[in-house]
Amino acid sequence: MKNKAATAADIGVAIRKKRKEDGLTLADAAALCGVGYRFMSDLENGKATAQVGKVLQVLTALGLDVYIESRSWPNE
């Protein structure tokens, strides 16, 4: 299923949803992804200043893919 992520909070929601679907605690997910508990918590809570490299690391470890597509502008 594709979900549009326009904000850090949208990414956090997707990560939390996937973690819970996989039956992982926050601590388990952080360990699996190779990040700290605090980082994982901040990420799930939509912290806008999260490091992009670590965000991608978490997404990959949880089996979530990122796609970047050009969008059409309304006046086109």
N, C-alpha and C. Protein backbone atom coordinates (compact mmCIF):
# COMPACT_ATOMS: atom_id res chain seq x y z
N MET A 1 0.83 -1.17 0.00
CA MET A 1 0.00 0.00 0.00
C MET A 1 0.88 1.24 0.00
N LYS A 2 0.55 2.20 -0.83
CA LYS A 2 1.32 3.44 -0.89
C LYS A 2 0.62 4.51 -0.08
N ASN A 3 1.41 5.20 0.72
CA ASN A 3 0.91 6.33 1.48
C ASN A 3 1.79 7.54 1.17
N LYS A 4 1.18 8.67 0.98
CA LYS A 4 1.92 9.89 0.73
C LYS A 4 2.42 10.44 2.06
N ALA A 5 3.70 10.74 2.11
CA ALA A 5 4.30 11.32 3.31
C ALA A 5 4.75 12.73 2.99
N ALA A 6 4.07 13.70 3.56
CA ALA A 6 4.39 15.10 3.31
C ALA A 6 5.10 15.76 4.49
N THR A 7 5.07 15.09 5.64
CA THR A 7 5.68 15.67 6.84
C THR A 7 6.44 14.59 7.60
N ALA A 8 7.26 15.04 8.54
CA ALA A 8 7.98 14.10 9.41
C ALA A 8 6.98 13.28 10.22
N ALA A 9 5.87 13.89 10.59
CA ALA A 9 4.84 13.18 11.35
C ALA A 9 4.25 12.04 10.52
N ASP A 10 4.06 12.25 9.21
CA ASP A 10 3.54 11.19 8.34
C ASP A 10 4.48 9.99 8.31
N ILE A 11 5.77 10.26 8.26
CA ILE A 11 6.77 9.19 8.26
C ILE A 11 6.72 8.45 9.60
N GLY A 12 6.63 9.21 10.68
CA GLY A 12 6.55 8.60 12.01
C GLY A 12 5.34 7.70 12.17
N VAL A 13 4.21 8.12 11.64
CA VAL A 13 2.99 7.32 11.72
C VAL A 13 3.18 6.01 10.96
N ALA A 14 3.78 6.08 9.77
CA ALA A 14 4.01 4.87 8.96
C ALA A 14 4.95 3.91 9.67
N ILE A 15 6.00 4.44 10.29
CA ILE A 15 6.96 3.60 11.00
C ILE A 15 6.30 2.95 12.21
N ARG A 16 5.55 3.71 12.99
CA ARG A 16 4.88 3.15 14.17
C ARG A 16 3.89 2.06 13.75
N LYS A 17 3.13 2.31 12.68
CA LYS A 17 2.16 1.33 12.20
C LYS A 17 2.86 0.03 11.81
N LYS A 18 3.95 0.12 11.06
CA LYS A 18 4.68 -1.07 10.62
C LYS A 18 5.28 -1.81 11.81
N ARG A 19 5.85 -1.07 12.75
CA ARG A 19 6.45 -1.69 13.94
C ARG A 19 5.40 -2.49 14.70
N LYS A 20 4.23 -1.89 14.90
CA LYS A 20 3.17 -2.57 15.64
C LYS A 20 2.63 -3.77 14.87
N GLU A 21 2.50 -3.62 13.54
CA GLU A 21 2.06 -4.76 12.72
C GLU A 21 3.03 -5.93 12.85
N ASP A 22 4.32 -5.62 13.00
CA ASP A 22 5.35 -6.65 13.13
C ASP A 22 5.47 -7.17 14.56
N GLY A 23 4.69 -6.60 15.49
CA GLY A 23 4.71 -7.06 16.87
C GLY A 23 5.97 -6.68 17.63
N LEU A 24 6.59 -5.58 17.23
CA LEU A 24 7.84 -5.15 17.88
C LEU A 24 7.58 -4.07 18.91
N THR A 25 8.29 -4.14 20.02
CA THR A 25 8.28 -3.02 20.96
C THR A 25 9.18 -1.95 20.39
N LEU A 26 9.09 -0.77 20.96
CA LEU A 26 9.96 0.32 20.52
C LEU A 26 11.43 -0.06 20.72
N ALA A 27 11.74 -0.68 21.84
CA ALA A 27 13.12 -1.09 22.12
C ALA A 27 13.59 -2.16 21.13
N ASP A 28 12.73 -3.12 20.83
CA ASP A 28 13.09 -4.17 19.87
C ASP A 28 13.35 -3.57 18.48
N ALA A 29 12.47 -2.67 18.06
CA ALA A 29 12.62 -2.05 16.74
C ALA A 29 13.90 -1.22 16.67
N ALA A 30 14.19 -0.48 17.72
CA ALA A 30 15.41 0.33 17.73
C ALA A 30 16.64 -0.57 17.60
N ALA A 31 16.66 -1.67 18.33
CA ALA A 31 17.79 -2.60 18.25
C ALA A 31 17.90 -3.23 16.87
N LEU A 32 16.77 -3.64 16.31
CA LEU A 32 16.74 -4.23 14.97
C LEU A 32 17.26 -3.25 13.92
N CYS A 33 16.93 -2.00 14.08
CA CYS A 33 17.29 -0.96 13.10
C CYS A 33 18.68 -0.37 13.34
N GLY A 34 19.29 -0.70 14.47
CA GLY A 34 20.62 -0.17 14.76
C GLY A 34 20.63 1.29 15.18
N VAL A 35 19.53 1.73 15.80
CA VAL A 35 19.45 3.10 16.30
C VAL A 35 19.08 3.06 17.77
N GLY A 36 19.22 4.18 18.43
CA GLY A 36 18.88 4.25 19.85
C GLY A 36 17.38 4.35 20.08
N TYR A 37 16.98 3.96 21.28
CA TYR A 37 15.57 4.03 21.67
C TYR A 37 15.03 5.44 21.52
N ARG A 38 15.79 6.43 21.98
CA ARG A 38 15.36 7.83 21.94
C ARG A 38 15.15 8.28 20.49
N PHE A 39 16.08 7.92 19.60
CA PHE A 39 15.94 8.29 18.19
C PHE A 39 14.65 7.68 17.63
N MET A 40 14.42 6.41 17.91
CA MET A 40 13.23 5.72 17.39
C MET A 40 11.96 6.38 17.91
N SER A 41 11.95 6.71 19.18
CA SER A 41 10.80 7.38 19.77
C SER A 41 10.56 8.74 19.13
N ASP A 42 11.62 9.53 18.99
CA ASP A 42 11.51 10.85 18.36
C ASP A 42 11.01 10.72 16.93
N LEU A 43 11.52 9.74 16.21
CA LEU A 43 11.12 9.52 14.82
C LEU A 43 9.63 9.19 14.74
N GLU A 44 9.17 8.28 15.55
CA GLU A 44 7.76 7.92 15.54
C GLU A 44 6.87 9.09 15.95
N ASN A 45 7.41 10.00 16.72
CA ASN A 45 6.64 11.16 17.16
C ASN A 45 6.78 12.35 16.21
N GLY A 46 7.41 12.13 15.05
CA GLY A 46 7.45 13.15 14.01
C GLY A 46 8.47 14.24 14.19
N LYS A 47 9.56 13.97 14.91
CA LYS A 47 10.60 14.99 15.09
C LYS A 47 11.17 15.38 13.72
N ALA A 48 11.02 16.62 13.38
CA ALA A 48 11.39 17.10 12.04
C ALA A 48 12.90 17.16 11.81
N THR A 49 13.69 17.13 12.87
CA THR A 49 15.13 17.28 12.70
C THR A 49 15.88 15.94 12.70
N ALA A 50 15.15 14.85 12.54
CA ALA A 50 15.79 13.53 12.52
C ALA A 50 16.76 13.43 11.33
N GLN A 51 17.87 12.76 11.54
CA GLN A 51 18.88 12.61 10.49
C GLN A 51 18.35 11.73 9.37
N VAL A 52 18.42 12.23 8.16
CA VAL A 52 17.87 11.53 7.00
C VAL A 52 18.50 10.15 6.84
N GLY A 53 19.79 10.04 7.02
CA GLY A 53 20.45 8.75 6.88
C GLY A 53 19.91 7.71 7.85
N LYS A 54 19.69 8.12 9.07
CA LYS A 54 19.14 7.20 10.07
C LYS A 54 17.68 6.87 9.78
N VAL A 55 16.93 7.85 9.28
CA VAL A 55 15.54 7.60 8.92
C VAL A 55 15.48 6.54 7.83
N LEU A 56 16.32 6.67 6.81
CA LEU A 56 16.36 5.69 5.74
C LEU A 56 16.80 4.32 6.26
N GLN A 57 17.72 4.30 7.21
CA GLN A 57 18.17 3.06 7.83
C GLN A 57 17.01 2.35 8.52
N VAL A 58 16.21 3.09 9.25
CA VAL A 58 15.05 2.52 9.94
C VAL A 58 14.02 2.01 8.93
N LEU A 59 13.72 2.82 7.93
CA LEU A 59 12.74 2.40 6.92
C LEU A 59 13.17 1.11 6.24
N THR A 60 14.43 1.02 5.88
CA THR A 60 14.95 -0.18 5.22
C THR A 60 14.87 -1.39 6.14
N ALA A 61 15.29 -1.22 7.39
CA ALA A 61 15.29 -2.34 8.34
C ALA A 61 13.88 -2.86 8.61
N LEU A 62 12.90 -1.98 8.57
CA LEU A 62 11.52 -2.39 8.82
C LEU A 62 10.81 -2.87 7.55
N GLY A 63 11.52 -2.83 6.43
CA GLY A 63 10.93 -3.31 5.18
C GLY A 63 10.03 -2.29 4.50
N LEU A 64 10.26 -1.02 4.75
CA LEU A 64 9.49 0.04 4.11
C LEU A 64 10.34 0.67 3.01
N ASP A 65 9.74 0.87 1.84
CA ASP A 65 10.45 1.47 0.71
C ASP A 65 10.08 2.93 0.56
N VAL A 66 11.01 3.70 0.01
CA VAL A 66 10.80 5.11 -0.24
C VAL A 66 10.90 5.33 -1.74
N TYR A 67 9.92 6.02 -2.29
CA TYR A 67 9.92 6.37 -3.70
C TYR A 67 9.79 7.87 -3.82
N ILE A 68 10.51 8.44 -4.76
CA ILE A 68 10.40 9.87 -5.02
C ILE A 68 9.90 10.02 -6.45
N GLU A 69 8.79 10.71 -6.58
CA GLU A 69 8.18 10.91 -7.88
C GLU A 69 7.94 12.39 -8.11
N SER A 70 8.05 12.82 -9.35
CA SER A 70 7.68 14.18 -9.69
C SER A 70 6.17 14.28 -9.65
N ARG A 71 5.68 15.39 -9.18
CA ARG A 71 4.24 15.57 -9.18
C ARG A 71 3.86 16.64 -10.19
N SER A 72 2.67 16.58 -10.65
CA SER A 72 2.19 17.58 -11.59
C SER A 72 1.76 18.82 -10.82
N TRP A 73 2.05 19.96 -11.39
CA TRP A 73 1.62 21.22 -10.78
C TRP A 73 0.19 21.50 -11.23
N PRO A 74 -0.58 22.12 -10.39
CA PRO A 74 -2.01 22.33 -10.70
C PRO A 74 -2.28 23.06 -12.02
N ASN A 75 -1.38 23.90 -12.46
CA ASN A 75 -1.63 24.68 -13.69
C ASN A 75 -1.16 23.98 -14.95
N GLU A 76 -0.71 22.76 -14.86
CA GLU A 76 -0.22 22.05 -16.04
C GLU A 76 -1.33 21.31 -16.73
